[in-house]
Amino acid sequence: MINIKEIFLFSYNELKKVKTITTVAMFVALSIILGAFTVPIGNFLKIGFSSLTTVGIGFLFGPIVGSIFGAITDIVKYMLKPTGPFFPGFTFNAIIAGIMYGSILYKKPVSIKRILIAEILVSFICNILLGTLWLNILYGKAFFAILPMRAIKNIVLLPINSFMAFVILKFLEQYKQSLK
């Protein structure tokens, strides 16, 4: 079993490969396309599936590439279709999510347990806590007033996102095996 330091080192070395850069570019485009299908539910809730691309990049290339992918994707999405003022806190969330997915999924076999752990951590830290904090700072809405609806949304989406991530990662795992 490789340790966390090795995971970050291997992920850093992925940046030197042309295949990594081209795959990341395609995933950025895919994330933008998936982002077009985001469904707004009120002012502070959105349901979308573009985060699945971050899961895929984290699995394929690790936390360093995942964090860079998260930052680039967030900024490019904002430049193409701004949905309010730019706020670096959301870019920070995308970076943290890339690190979490990459740290938990990179160079490890796909398992429901591992995916659930990653999804729970990202949902709780990035979406529920930090996301609500950024909305509080940005719009002045009471943190504890919007927290419950954001928590419920993330709890409801947790099994859906986990199942979709499992299916996609199983496909990517088989694809990686066929390349060897």
C-alpha atoms as a PDB file:
ATOM      1  CA  MET A   1       0.000   0.000   0.000  1.00  0.00           C
ATOM      2  CA  ILE A   2       1.418   3.394  -0.958  1.00  0.00           C
ATOM      3  CA  ASN A   3       1.403   6.246   1.536  1.00  0.00           C
ATOM      4  CA  ILE A   4      -0.034   9.724   1.085  1.00  0.00           C
ATOM      5  CA  LYS A   5       3.369  11.293   0.321  1.00  0.00           C
ATOM      6  CA  GLU A   6       3.892   8.830  -2.550  1.00  0.00           C
ATOM      7  CA  ILE A   7       0.375   9.499  -3.845  1.00  0.00           C
ATOM      8  CA  PHE A   8       1.132  13.228  -4.097  1.00  0.00           C
ATOM      9  CA  LEU A   9       4.530  12.526  -5.708  1.00  0.00           C
ATOM     10  CA  PHE A  10       3.044  10.138  -8.296  1.00  0.00           C
ATOM     11  CA  SER A  11       0.270  12.643  -9.003  1.00  0.00           C
ATOM     12  CA  TYR A  12       2.818  15.428  -9.465  1.00  0.00           C
ATOM     13  CA  ASN A  13       4.714  13.243 -11.939  1.00  0.00           C
ATOM     14  CA  GLU A  14       1.477  12.737 -13.911  1.00  0.00           C
ATOM     15  CA  LEU A  15       1.696  16.429 -14.863  1.00  0.00           C
ATOM     16  CA  LYS A  16       4.746  15.664 -17.017  1.00  0.00           C
ATOM     17  CA  LYS A  17       2.769  13.407 -19.359  1.00  0.00           C
ATOM     18  CA  VAL A  18       1.105  14.660 -22.519  1.00  0.00           C
ATOM     19  CA  LYS A  19      -1.630  12.043 -22.081  1.00  0.00           C
ATOM     20  CA  THR A  20      -2.507  13.571 -18.710  1.00  0.00           C
ATOM     21  CA  ILE A  21      -2.757  17.107 -20.080  1.00  0.00           C
ATOM     22  CA  THR A  22      -4.918  16.067 -23.037  1.00  0.00           C
ATOM     23  CA  THR A  23      -7.189  13.912 -20.866  1.00  0.00           C
ATOM     24  CA  VAL A  24      -7.598  16.732 -18.352  1.00  0.00           C
ATOM     25  CA  ALA A  25      -8.484  19.122 -21.196  1.00  0.00           C
ATOM     26  CA  MET A  26     -11.174  16.722 -22.421  1.00  0.00           C
ATOM     27  CA  PHE A  27     -12.527  16.343 -18.895  1.00  0.00           C
ATOM     28  CA  VAL A  28     -12.657  20.155 -18.515  1.00  0.00           C
ATOM     29  CA  ALA A  29     -14.775  20.289 -21.687  1.00  0.00           C
ATOM     30  CA  LEU A  30     -16.966  17.448 -20.402  1.00  0.00           C
ATOM     31  CA  SER A  31     -17.396  19.231 -17.064  1.00  0.00           C
ATOM     32  CA  ILE A  32     -18.510  22.397 -18.867  1.00  0.00           C
ATOM     33  CA  ILE A  33     -21.041  20.403 -20.896  1.00  0.00           C
ATOM     34  CA  LEU A  34     -22.361  18.649 -17.784  1.00  0.00           C
ATOM     35  CA  GLY A  35     -22.499  22.020 -16.031  1.00  0.00           C
ATOM     36  CA  ALA A  36     -24.962  23.210 -18.663  1.00  0.00           C
ATOM     37  CA  PHE A  37     -27.430  20.659 -17.303  1.00  0.00           C
ATOM     38  CA  THR A  38     -27.354  22.040 -13.753  1.00  0.00           C
ATOM     39  CA  VAL A  39     -30.824  22.480 -12.307  1.00  0.00           C
ATOM     40  CA  PRO A  40     -31.285  25.470  -9.986  1.00  0.00           C
ATOM     41  CA  ILE A  41     -33.608  24.901  -7.044  1.00  0.00           C
ATOM     42  CA  GLY A  42     -34.071  28.295  -5.441  1.00  0.00           C
ATOM     43  CA  ASN A  43     -31.352  30.879  -4.928  1.00  0.00           C
ATOM     44  CA  PHE A  44     -28.965  28.761  -2.885  1.00  0.00           C
ATOM     45  CA  LEU A  45     -29.407  25.221  -4.219  1.00  0.00           C
ATOM     46  CA  LYS A  46     -28.328  23.670  -7.488  1.00  0.00           C
ATOM     47  CA  ILE A  47     -28.274  20.057  -8.603  1.00  0.00           C
ATOM     48  CA  GLY A  48     -25.625  19.159 -11.144  1.00  0.00           C
ATOM     49  CA  PHE A  49     -23.363  16.327 -12.127  1.00  0.00           C
ATOM     50  CA  SER A  50     -20.218  18.057 -13.359  1.00  0.00           C
ATOM     51  CA  SER A  51     -18.464  17.016 -10.127  1.00  0.00           C
ATOM     52  CA  LEU A  52     -18.289  13.494 -11.572  1.00  0.00           C
ATOM     53  CA  THR A  53     -15.459  14.714 -13.786  1.00  0.00           C
ATOM     54  CA  THR A  54     -13.487  15.680 -10.671  1.00  0.00           C
ATOM     55  CA  VAL A  55     -14.017  12.164  -9.322  1.00  0.00           C
ATOM     56  CA  GLY A  56     -12.692  10.726 -12.606  1.00  0.00           C
ATOM     57  CA  ILE A  57      -9.630  12.972 -12.700  1.00  0.00           C
ATOM     58  CA  GLY A  58      -8.862  12.233  -9.047  1.00  0.00           C
ATOM     59  CA  PHE A  59      -9.061   8.503  -9.750  1.00  0.00           C
ATOM     60  CA  LEU A  60      -6.967   8.662 -12.921  1.00  0.00           C
ATOM     61  CA  PHE A  61      -4.307  11.198 -11.948  1.00  0.00           C
ATOM     62  CA  GLY A  62      -4.372  11.864  -8.206  1.00  0.00           C
ATOM     63  CA  PRO A  63      -4.665  14.839  -5.867  1.00  0.00           C
ATOM     64  CA  ILE A  64      -2.228  17.277  -7.509  1.00  0.00           C
ATOM     65  CA  VAL A  65      -3.785  16.958 -10.956  1.00  0.00           C
ATOM     66  CA  GLY A  66      -7.249  16.832  -9.346  1.00  0.00           C
ATOM     67  CA  SER A  67      -6.678  20.122  -7.543  1.00  0.00           C
ATOM     68  CA  ILE A  68      -5.379  21.861 -10.675  1.00  0.00           C
ATOM     69  CA  PHE A  69      -8.303  20.434 -12.655  1.00  0.00           C
ATOM     70  CA  GLY A  70     -10.741  21.749 -10.038  1.00  0.00           C
ATOM     71  CA  ALA A  71      -9.289  25.268 -10.154  1.00  0.00           C
ATOM     72  CA  ILE A  72      -9.133  25.445 -13.951  1.00  0.00           C
ATOM     73  CA  THR A  73     -12.624  24.034 -14.381  1.00  0.00           C
ATOM     74  CA  ASP A  74     -14.152  26.428 -11.851  1.00  0.00           C
ATOM     75  CA  ILE A  75     -12.532  29.484 -13.447  1.00  0.00           C
ATOM     76  CA  VAL A  76     -13.302  28.443 -17.042  1.00  0.00           C
ATOM     77  CA  LYS A  77     -16.947  27.696 -16.151  1.00  0.00           C
ATOM     78  CA  TYR A  78     -17.267  31.105 -14.568  1.00  0.00           C
ATOM     79  CA  MET A  79     -15.704  32.836 -17.581  1.00  0.00           C
ATOM     80  CA  LEU A  80     -18.043  31.032 -19.997  1.00  0.00           C
ATOM     81  CA  LYS A  81     -21.252  31.344 -17.975  1.00  0.00           C
ATOM     82  CA  PRO A  82     -21.084  33.493 -14.856  1.00  0.00           C
ATOM     83  CA  THR A  83     -23.934  32.822 -12.426  1.00  0.00           C
ATOM     84  CA  GLY A  84     -23.157  35.641 -10.020  1.00  0.00           C
ATOM     85  CA  PRO A  85     -20.029  37.400  -8.835  1.00  0.00           C
ATOM     86  CA  PHE A  86     -16.760  35.496  -8.972  1.00  0.00           C
ATOM     87  CA  PHE A  87     -15.800  34.287  -5.522  1.00  0.00           C
ATOM     88  CA  PRO A  88     -12.455  32.511  -4.919  1.00  0.00           C
ATOM     89  CA  GLY A  89     -13.966  30.474  -2.084  1.00  0.00           C
ATOM     90  CA  PHE A  90     -15.758  28.287  -4.630  1.00  0.00           C
ATOM     91  CA  THR A  91     -12.493  27.816  -6.534  1.00  0.00           C
ATOM     92  CA  PHE A  92     -10.917  26.794  -3.225  1.00  0.00           C
ATOM     93  CA  ASN A  93     -13.731  24.227  -2.791  1.00  0.00           C
ATOM     94  CA  ALA A  94     -12.979  22.814  -6.240  1.00  0.00           C
ATOM     95  CA  ILE A  95      -9.283  22.522  -5.351  1.00  0.00           C
ATOM     96  CA  ILE A  96     -10.041  20.807  -2.025  1.00  0.00           C
ATOM     97  CA  ALA A  97     -12.495  18.405  -3.702  1.00  0.00           C
ATOM     98  CA  GLY A  98      -9.833  17.464  -6.279  1.00  0.00           C
ATOM     99  CA  ILE A  99      -7.329  16.820  -3.501  1.00  0.00           C
ATOM    100  CA  MET A 100      -9.815  14.712  -1.532  1.00  0.00           C
ATOM    101  CA  TYR A 101     -10.964  12.600  -4.464  1.00  0.00           C
ATOM    102  CA  GLY A 102      -7.382  12.118  -5.648  1.00  0.00           C
ATOM    103  CA  SER A 103      -6.062  11.235  -2.194  1.00  0.00           C
ATOM    104  CA  ILE A 104      -8.774   8.651  -1.581  1.00  0.00           C
ATOM    105  CA  LEU A 105      -9.217   7.124  -5.061  1.00  0.00           C
ATOM    106  CA  TYR A 106      -5.867   7.393  -6.892  1.00  0.00           C
ATOM    107  CA  LYS A 107      -3.938   4.149  -7.442  1.00  0.00           C
ATOM    108  CA  LYS A 108      -6.514   2.162  -5.473  1.00  0.00           C
ATOM    109  CA  PRO A 109      -9.129  -0.341  -6.604  1.00  0.00           C
ATOM    110  CA  VAL A 110     -12.635   1.021  -7.038  1.00  0.00           C
ATOM    111  CA  SER A 111     -14.874   0.189  -4.092  1.00  0.00           C
ATOM    112  CA  ILE A 112     -18.202   1.488  -2.832  1.00  0.00           C
ATOM    113  CA  LYS A 113     -16.666   2.064   0.618  1.00  0.00           C
ATOM    114  CA  ARG A 114     -13.871   4.268  -0.748  1.00  0.00           C
ATOM    115  CA  ILE A 115     -16.271   6.212  -2.976  1.00  0.00           C
ATOM    116  CA  LEU A 116     -18.693   6.755  -0.086  1.00  0.00           C
ATOM    117  CA  ILE A 117     -15.884   8.051   2.118  1.00  0.00           C
ATOM    118  CA  ALA A 118     -14.768  10.475  -0.603  1.00  0.00           C
ATOM    119  CA  GLU A 119     -18.323  11.616  -1.343  1.00  0.00           C
ATOM    120  CA  ILE A 120     -19.160  12.099   2.349  1.00  0.00           C
ATOM    121  CA  LEU A 121     -16.003  14.138   2.973  1.00  0.00           C
ATOM    122  CA  VAL A 122     -16.479  16.331  -0.102  1.00  0.00           C
ATOM    123  CA  SER A 123     -20.197  16.783   0.598  1.00  0.00           C
ATOM    124  CA  PHE A 124     -19.673  17.684   4.248  1.00  0.00           C
ATOM    125  CA  ILE A 125     -16.521  19.818   4.027  1.00  0.00           C
ATOM    126  CA  CYS A 126     -16.819  21.453   0.596  1.00  0.00           C
ATOM    127  CA  ASN A 127     -20.543  21.574  -0.078  1.00  0.00           C
ATOM    128  CA  ILE A 128     -22.236  21.813   3.293  1.00  0.00           C
ATOM    129  CA  LEU A 129     -19.739  23.675   5.492  1.00  0.00           C
ATOM    130  CA  LEU A 130     -17.539  25.735   3.180  1.00  0.00           C
ATOM    131  CA  GLY A 131     -20.156  26.239   0.457  1.00  0.00           C
ATOM    132  CA  THR A 132     -22.634  27.559   2.990  1.00  0.00           C
ATOM    133  CA  LEU A 133     -19.935  29.781   4.506  1.00  0.00           C
ATOM    134  CA  TRP A 134     -19.100  31.255   1.076  1.00  0.00           C
ATOM    135  CA  LEU A 135     -22.792  31.959   0.406  1.00  0.00           C
ATOM    136  CA  ASN A 136     -23.008  33.598   3.824  1.00  0.00           C
ATOM    137  CA  ILE A 137     -20.025  35.828   3.058  1.00  0.00           C
ATOM    138  CA  LEU A 138     -21.091  36.561  -0.508  1.00  0.00           C
ATOM    139  CA  TYR A 139     -24.778  37.280  -0.001  1.00  0.00           C
ATOM    140  CA  GLY A 140     -25.019  37.964   3.720  1.00  0.00           C
ATOM    141  CA  LYS A 141     -27.532  35.170   4.260  1.00  0.00           C
ATOM    142  CA  ALA A 142     -27.593  33.669   7.738  1.00  0.00           C
ATOM    143  CA  PHE A 143     -25.331  30.611   7.811  1.00  0.00           C
ATOM    144  CA  PHE A 144     -27.669  28.541   9.964  1.00  0.00           C
ATOM    145  CA  ALA A 145     -30.718  29.568   7.930  1.00  0.00           C
ATOM    146  CA  ILE A 146     -29.433  28.058   4.660  1.00  0.00           C
ATOM    147  CA  LEU A 147     -27.403  25.229   6.216  1.00  0.00           C
ATOM    148  CA  PRO A 148     -30.325  22.791   6.729  1.00  0.00           C
ATOM    149  CA  MET A 149     -31.569  22.888   3.126  1.00  0.00           C
ATOM    150  CA  ARG A 150     -28.017  22.524   1.793  1.00  0.00           C
ATOM    151  CA  ALA A 151     -27.380  19.607   4.163  1.00  0.00           C
ATOM    152  CA  ILE A 152     -30.613  17.855   3.141  1.00  0.00           C
ATOM    153  CA  LYS A 153     -29.797  18.294  -0.554  1.00  0.00           C
ATOM    154  CA  ASN A 154     -26.339  16.782  -0.070  1.00  0.00           C
ATOM    155  CA  ILE A 155     -27.676  13.890   2.015  1.00  0.00           C
ATOM    156  CA  VAL A 156     -30.306  13.109  -0.639  1.00  0.00           C
ATOM    157  CA  LEU A 157     -27.741  13.315  -3.459  1.00  0.00           C
ATOM    158  CA  LEU A 158     -25.087  11.270  -1.617  1.00  0.00           C
ATOM    159  CA  PRO A 159     -26.295   7.811  -2.728  1.00  0.00           C
ATOM    160  CA  ILE A 160     -27.046   9.081  -6.248  1.00  0.00           C
ATOM    161  CA  ASN A 161     -23.613  10.686  -6.670  1.00  0.00           C
ATOM    162  CA  SER A 162     -21.921   7.648  -5.104  1.00  0.00           C
ATOM    163  CA  PHE A 163     -23.681   5.233  -7.435  1.00  0.00           C
ATOM    164  CA  MET A 164     -22.863   7.325 -10.525  1.00  0.00           C
ATOM    165  CA  ALA A 165     -19.243   7.689  -9.375  1.00  0.00           C
ATOM    166  CA  PHE A 166     -19.014   3.918  -8.854  1.00  0.00           C
ATOM    167  CA  VAL A 167     -20.318   3.191 -12.363  1.00  0.00           C
ATOM    168  CA  ILE A 168     -17.997   5.738 -13.983  1.00  0.00           C
ATOM    169  CA  LEU A 169     -14.945   4.637 -11.992  1.00  0.00           C
ATOM    170  CA  LYS A 170     -15.615   0.956 -12.789  1.00  0.00           C
ATOM    171  CA  PHE A 171     -15.617   1.916 -16.460  1.00  0.00           C
ATOM    172  CA  LEU A 172     -12.406   3.937 -16.064  1.00  0.00           C
ATOM    173  CA  GLU A 173     -10.811   1.093 -14.093  1.00  0.00           C
ATOM    174  CA  GLN A 174     -11.554  -1.363 -16.927  1.00  0.00           C
ATOM    175  CA  TYR A 175     -10.273   1.169 -19.462  1.00  0.00           C
ATOM    176  CA  LYS A 176      -7.005   1.586 -17.533  1.00  0.00           C
ATOM    177  CA  GLN A 177      -6.605  -2.212 -17.391  1.00  0.00           C
ATOM    178  CA  SER A 178      -7.061  -2.508 -21.147  1.00  0.00           C
ATOM    179  CA  LEU A 179      -4.221   0.007 -21.707  1.00  0.00           C
ATOM    180  CA  LYS A 180      -1.704  -2.145 -19.807  1.00  0.00           C
END
